[in-house]
C-alpha cells in the first residue's frame, strides 16, 4: 500500500518534469500542473482512506 503511494508520488514528479519541458506555453503548463495536482490529491485521499479502513478492520477483529 505504501509502495503504491510512493510510486504515485514518483510518477507525479516525473510527469510534472516532462510536462514542464514539453509545454508550449504557460497556460498549457498551468493546466497540466493543475491536473497533476488533482491526481496527487486523489492519490493522497485514497491512501488515507485505505489506511483508515485497515485500522477499522484491525480494531473490529479484536
C-alpha atoms as a PDB file:
ATOM      1  CA  UNK A   1       0.000   0.000   0.000  1.00  0.00           C
ATOM      2  CA  UNK A   2       2.739   2.447   0.955  1.00  0.00           C
ATOM      3  CA  UNK A   3       4.788   1.310  -2.032  1.00  0.00           C
ATOM      4  CA  UNK A   4       1.933   2.188  -4.401  1.00  0.00           C
ATOM      5  CA  UNK A   5       1.695   5.620  -2.780  1.00  0.00           C
ATOM      6  CA  UNK A   6       5.429   6.231  -3.230  1.00  0.00           C
ATOM      7  CA  UNK A   7       5.221   5.109  -6.850  1.00  0.00           C
ATOM      8  CA  UNK A   8       2.344   7.557  -7.382  1.00  0.00           C
ATOM      9  CA  UNK A   9       4.415  10.395  -5.933  1.00  0.00           C
ATOM     10  CA  UNK A  10       7.348   9.494  -8.168  1.00  0.00           C
ATOM     11  CA  UNK A  11       5.065   9.331 -11.206  1.00  0.00           C
ATOM     12  CA  UNK A  12       3.651  12.787 -10.446  1.00  0.00           C
ATOM     13  CA  UNK A  13       7.172  14.192 -10.138  1.00  0.00           C
ATOM     14  CA  UNK A  14       8.298  12.628 -13.425  1.00  0.00           C
ATOM     15  CA  UNK A  15       5.156  13.707 -15.275  1.00  0.00           C
ATOM     16  CA  UNK A  16       5.408  17.281 -13.993  1.00  0.00           C
ATOM     17  CA  UNK A  17       9.060  17.429 -15.077  1.00  0.00           C
ATOM     18  CA  UNK A  18       8.203  16.128 -18.542  1.00  0.00           C
ATOM     19  CA  UNK A  19       5.243  18.483 -18.773  1.00  0.00           C
ATOM     20  CA  UNK A  20       7.431  21.440 -17.854  1.00  0.00           C
ATOM     21  CA  UNK A  21       9.822  20.593 -20.684  1.00  0.00           C
ATOM     22  CA  UNK A  22       7.079  19.930 -23.255  1.00  0.00           C
ATOM     23  CA  UNK A  23       4.529  22.677 -22.524  1.00  0.00           C
ATOM     24  CA  UNK A  24       4.166  25.052 -25.493  1.00  0.00           C
ATOM     25  CA  UNK A  25       3.090  27.986 -23.319  1.00  0.00           C
ATOM     26  CA  UNK A  26       2.378  28.983 -19.743  1.00  0.00           C
ATOM     27  CA  UNK A  27      -1.353  28.226 -19.955  1.00  0.00           C
ATOM     28  CA  UNK A  28      -0.738  24.633 -21.023  1.00  0.00           C
ATOM     29  CA  UNK A  29       1.808  24.264 -18.237  1.00  0.00           C
ATOM     30  CA  UNK A  30      -0.618  25.579 -15.611  1.00  0.00           C
ATOM     31  CA  UNK A  31      -3.450  23.333 -16.817  1.00  0.00           C
ATOM     32  CA  UNK A  32      -1.135  20.327 -16.748  1.00  0.00           C
ATOM     33  CA  UNK A  33       0.131  21.158 -13.267  1.00  0.00           C
ATOM     34  CA  UNK A  34      -3.454  21.581 -12.051  1.00  0.00           C
ATOM     35  CA  UNK A  35      -4.358  18.159 -13.465  1.00  0.00           C
ATOM     36  CA  UNK A  36      -1.316  16.569 -11.839  1.00  0.00           C
ATOM     37  CA  UNK A  37      -2.138  18.292  -8.549  1.00  0.00           C
ATOM     38  CA  UNK A  38      -5.657  16.918  -8.693  1.00  0.00           C
ATOM     39  CA  UNK A  39      -4.302  13.441  -9.387  1.00  0.00           C
ATOM     40  CA  UNK A  40      -1.915  13.767  -6.450  1.00  0.00           C
ATOM     41  CA  UNK A  41      -4.725  14.910  -4.157  1.00  0.00           C
ATOM     42  CA  UNK A  42      -6.866  11.938  -5.194  1.00  0.00           C
ATOM     43  CA  UNK A  43      -3.925   9.601  -4.574  1.00  0.00           C
ATOM     44  CA  UNK A  44      -3.361  11.023  -1.082  1.00  0.00           C
ATOM     45  CA  UNK A  45      -7.065  10.813  -0.222  1.00  0.00           C
ATOM     46  CA  UNK A  46      -7.208   7.209  -1.429  1.00  0.00           C
ATOM     47  CA  UNK A  47      -4.133   6.317   0.639  1.00  0.00           C
ATOM     48  CA  UNK A  48      -5.564   7.896   3.799  1.00  0.00           C
ATOM     49  CA  UNK A  49      -8.947   6.209   3.318  1.00  0.00           C
ATOM     50  CA  UNK A  50      -7.253   2.837   2.811  1.00  0.00           C
ATOM     51  CA  UNK A  51      -5.216   3.309   5.987  1.00  0.00           C
ATOM     52  CA  UNK A  52      -8.344   4.169   7.982  1.00  0.00           C
ATOM     53  CA  UNK A  53     -10.180   1.160   6.556  1.00  0.00           C
ATOM     54  CA  UNK A  54      -7.293  -1.125   7.536  1.00  0.00           C
ATOM     55  CA  UNK A  55      -7.284   0.318  11.067  1.00  0.00           C
ATOM     56  CA  UNK A  56     -11.054  -0.183  11.412  1.00  0.00           C
ATOM     57  CA  UNK A  57     -10.793  -3.783  10.220  1.00  0.00           C
ATOM     58  CA  UNK A  58      -7.934  -4.411  12.631  1.00  0.00           C
ATOM     59  CA  UNK A  59      -9.861  -2.966  15.575  1.00  0.00           C
ATOM     60  CA  UNK A  60     -13.070  -4.787  14.658  1.00  0.00           C
ATOM     61  CA  UNK A  61     -11.277  -8.131  14.618  1.00  0.00           C
ATOM     62  CA  UNK A  62     -10.463  -7.846  18.340  1.00  0.00           C
END
